């Protein structure tokens, strides 16, 4: 299954979810997702897409920037 572009924020949401999952892996020191990583990724993306459709004022670019800034700090 591939993730479909639903909103104008889809690409940013996908980047955000990838970064969140990568940070979780680094913090834990192991991959908690294993073989189900793609399913977890797709579900998280779809959840955020739905949130974006329900609340179009969310600025996903800022959320992504905050997440990556937290990683650097």
N, C-alpha and C. Protein backbone atom coordinates (compact mmCIF):
# COMPACT_ATOMS: atom_id res chain seq x y z
N UNK A 1 0.84 -1.17 0.00
CA UNK A 1 0.00 0.00 0.00
C UNK A 1 0.89 1.24 0.00
N UNK A 2 0.55 2.20 -0.80
CA UNK A 2 1.28 3.45 -0.82
C UNK A 2 0.42 4.55 -0.23
N UNK A 3 1.08 5.53 0.34
CA UNK A 3 0.37 6.64 0.95
C UNK A 3 -0.04 7.62 -0.14
N UNK A 4 -1.28 8.04 -0.08
CA UNK A 4 -1.83 8.93 -1.09
C UNK A 4 -1.75 10.37 -0.62
N UNK A 5 -1.54 11.26 -1.57
CA UNK A 5 -1.55 12.69 -1.27
C UNK A 5 -3.00 13.11 -1.10
N UNK A 6 -3.35 13.57 0.10
CA UNK A 6 -4.72 13.95 0.39
C UNK A 6 -4.87 15.45 0.52
N UNK A 7 -3.92 16.08 1.19
CA UNK A 7 -4.01 17.51 1.43
C UNK A 7 -2.75 18.20 0.92
N UNK A 8 -2.77 19.50 0.98
CA UNK A 8 -1.59 20.25 0.52
C UNK A 8 -0.42 20.05 1.48
N UNK A 9 -0.69 19.48 2.64
CA UNK A 9 0.34 19.24 3.64
C UNK A 9 0.86 17.81 3.62
N UNK A 10 0.39 17.00 2.71
CA UNK A 10 0.72 15.57 2.71
C UNK A 10 2.21 15.28 2.75
N UNK A 11 2.97 15.95 1.93
CA UNK A 11 4.42 15.68 1.89
C UNK A 11 5.08 16.05 3.22
N UNK A 12 4.68 17.16 3.80
CA UNK A 12 5.24 17.56 5.09
C UNK A 12 4.83 16.59 6.19
N UNK A 13 3.60 16.15 6.16
CA UNK A 13 3.12 15.18 7.15
C UNK A 13 3.93 13.89 7.03
N UNK A 14 4.20 13.45 5.82
CA UNK A 14 4.99 12.23 5.62
C UNK A 14 6.40 12.42 6.17
N UNK A 15 7.02 13.58 5.93
CA UNK A 15 8.35 13.86 6.48
C UNK A 15 8.31 13.88 8.00
N UNK A 16 7.27 14.49 8.56
CA UNK A 16 7.11 14.58 10.00
C UNK A 16 7.02 13.19 10.62
N UNK A 17 6.21 12.33 10.06
CA UNK A 17 6.05 10.98 10.60
C UNK A 17 7.35 10.18 10.50
N UNK A 18 8.05 10.30 9.37
CA UNK A 18 9.34 9.61 9.23
C UNK A 18 10.31 10.07 10.32
N UNK A 19 10.36 11.39 10.53
CA UNK A 19 11.26 11.94 11.54
C UNK A 19 10.86 11.49 12.95
N UNK A 20 9.56 11.49 13.24
CA UNK A 20 9.09 11.03 14.55
C UNK A 20 9.51 9.59 14.80
N UNK A 21 9.30 8.76 13.81
CA UNK A 21 9.65 7.34 13.96
C UNK A 21 11.15 7.17 14.10
N UNK A 22 11.93 7.92 13.35
CA UNK A 22 13.39 7.82 13.44
C UNK A 22 13.86 8.25 14.82
N UNK A 23 13.27 9.32 15.35
CA UNK A 23 13.65 9.78 16.69
C UNK A 23 13.29 8.74 17.76
N UNK A 24 12.15 8.09 17.60
CA UNK A 24 11.75 7.04 18.54
C UNK A 24 12.76 5.89 18.52
N UNK A 25 13.19 5.51 17.32
CA UNK A 25 14.18 4.44 17.19
C UNK A 25 15.48 4.83 17.87
N UNK A 26 15.93 6.07 17.64
CA UNK A 26 17.19 6.52 18.23
C UNK A 26 17.10 6.63 19.75
N UNK A 27 15.96 7.11 20.26
CA UNK A 27 15.80 7.25 21.70
C UNK A 27 15.76 5.89 22.40
N UNK A 28 15.12 4.92 21.77
CA UNK A 28 14.99 3.60 22.38
C UNK A 28 16.24 2.75 22.19
N UNK A 29 16.99 3.03 21.13
CA UNK A 29 18.18 2.24 20.84
C UNK A 29 17.88 0.97 20.07
N UNK A 30 16.63 0.79 19.68
CA UNK A 30 16.24 -0.36 18.85
C UNK A 30 14.99 0.03 18.07
N UNK A 31 14.67 -0.78 17.07
CA UNK A 31 13.51 -0.51 16.22
C UNK A 31 12.28 -1.22 16.79
N UNK A 32 11.37 -0.48 17.44
CA UNK A 32 10.20 -1.11 18.03
C UNK A 32 9.14 -1.50 17.00
N UNK A 33 9.31 -1.06 15.77
CA UNK A 33 8.30 -1.27 14.74
C UNK A 33 8.51 -2.57 13.97
N UNK A 34 9.77 -2.97 13.83
CA UNK A 34 10.09 -4.21 13.14
C UNK A 34 9.46 -4.30 11.76
N UNK A 35 8.89 -5.46 11.47
CA UNK A 35 8.29 -5.70 10.16
C UNK A 35 7.02 -4.87 9.93
N UNK A 36 6.44 -4.34 10.99
CA UNK A 36 5.20 -3.56 10.86
C UNK A 36 5.44 -2.07 10.69
N UNK A 37 6.69 -1.67 10.46
CA UNK A 37 7.02 -0.25 10.36
C UNK A 37 6.21 0.46 9.28
N UNK A 38 6.06 -0.17 8.13
CA UNK A 38 5.32 0.47 7.03
C UNK A 38 3.85 0.68 7.41
N UNK A 39 3.27 -0.30 8.07
CA UNK A 39 1.88 -0.18 8.51
C UNK A 39 1.72 0.93 9.55
N UNK A 40 2.67 1.00 10.48
CA UNK A 40 2.62 2.06 11.50
C UNK A 40 2.76 3.42 10.84
N UNK A 41 3.71 3.52 9.92
CA UNK A 41 3.93 4.77 9.18
C UNK A 41 2.66 5.21 8.46
N UNK A 42 2.07 4.31 7.71
CA UNK A 42 0.87 4.65 6.94
C UNK A 42 -0.29 5.06 7.85
N UNK A 43 -0.45 4.36 8.97
CA UNK A 43 -1.53 4.70 9.90
C UNK A 43 -1.32 6.08 10.51
N UNK A 44 -0.09 6.36 10.90
CA UNK A 44 0.20 7.68 11.48
C UNK A 44 -0.02 8.80 10.46
N UNK A 45 0.41 8.57 9.23
CA UNK A 45 0.20 9.57 8.18
C UNK A 45 -1.29 9.80 7.97
N UNK A 46 -2.05 8.74 7.89
CA UNK A 46 -3.49 8.89 7.66
C UNK A 46 -4.17 9.59 8.85
N UNK A 47 -3.73 9.30 10.06
CA UNK A 47 -4.28 9.97 11.24
C UNK A 47 -4.01 11.48 11.18
N UNK A 48 -2.78 11.85 10.82
CA UNK A 48 -2.46 13.27 10.73
C UNK A 48 -3.15 13.93 9.54
N UNK A 49 -3.33 13.20 8.45
CA UNK A 49 -4.08 13.73 7.31
C UNK A 49 -5.51 14.06 7.74
N UNK A 50 -6.11 13.14 8.50
CA UNK A 50 -7.48 13.37 8.98
C UNK A 50 -7.50 14.58 9.91
N UNK A 51 -6.51 14.67 10.77
CA UNK A 51 -6.42 15.82 11.68
C UNK A 51 -6.28 17.12 10.87
N UNK A 52 -5.51 17.06 9.80
CA UNK A 52 -5.31 18.22 8.94
C UNK A 52 -6.61 18.62 8.26
N UNK A 53 -7.38 17.64 7.82
CA UNK A 53 -8.66 17.94 7.18
C UNK A 53 -9.66 18.51 8.19
N UNK A 54 -9.61 18.02 9.43
CA UNK A 54 -10.50 18.50 10.47
C UNK A 54 -10.12 19.89 10.97
N UNK A 55 -8.82 20.18 10.92
CA UNK A 55 -8.33 21.47 11.40
C UNK A 55 -7.32 22.02 10.39
N UNK A 56 -7.81 22.72 9.37
CA UNK A 56 -6.92 23.20 8.31
C UNK A 56 -5.94 24.29 8.75
N UNK A 57 -6.06 24.79 9.98
CA UNK A 57 -5.17 25.83 10.46
C UNK A 57 -3.85 25.29 10.99
N UNK A 58 -3.71 23.98 11.10
CA UNK A 58 -2.46 23.40 11.58
C UNK A 58 -1.38 23.65 10.54
N UNK A 59 -0.26 24.19 11.00
CA UNK A 59 0.87 24.43 10.12
C UNK A 59 1.88 23.30 10.31
N UNK A 60 1.84 22.32 9.44
CA UNK A 60 2.68 21.14 9.56
C UNK A 60 4.15 21.45 9.31
N UNK A 61 4.42 22.49 8.53
CA UNK A 61 5.81 22.88 8.31
C UNK A 61 6.45 23.33 9.63
N UNK A 62 5.69 24.06 10.43
CA UNK A 62 6.20 24.51 11.73
C UNK A 62 6.39 23.32 12.66
N UNK A 63 5.43 22.41 12.67
CA UNK A 63 5.55 21.22 13.51
C UNK A 63 6.79 20.40 13.13
N UNK A 64 7.05 20.28 11.83
CA UNK A 64 8.23 19.55 11.38
C UNK A 64 9.50 20.29 11.80
N UNK A 65 9.51 21.60 11.63
CA UNK A 65 10.68 22.40 12.02
C UNK A 65 10.95 22.29 13.51
N UNK A 66 9.90 22.33 14.32
CA UNK A 66 10.06 22.20 15.76
C UNK A 66 10.63 20.83 16.12
N UNK A 67 10.16 19.80 15.46
CA UNK A 67 10.65 18.45 15.73
C UNK A 67 12.12 18.30 15.37
N UNK A 68 12.50 18.82 14.23
CA UNK A 68 13.89 18.69 13.82
C UNK A 68 14.79 19.60 14.65
N UNK A 69 14.29 20.74 15.09
CA UNK A 69 15.07 21.64 15.96
C UNK A 69 15.32 20.96 17.30
N UNK A 70 14.31 20.23 17.78
CA UNK A 70 14.44 19.50 19.04
C UNK A 70 15.53 18.42 18.92
N UNK A 71 15.63 17.83 17.76
CA UNK A 71 16.61 16.77 17.52
C UNK A 71 18.03 17.34 17.57
N UNK A 72 18.20 18.52 17.00
CA UNK A 72 19.52 19.15 16.93
C UNK A 72 19.95 19.62 18.31
N UNK A 73 19.00 20.11 19.10
CA UNK A 73 19.33 20.69 20.41
C UNK A 73 19.82 19.67 21.40
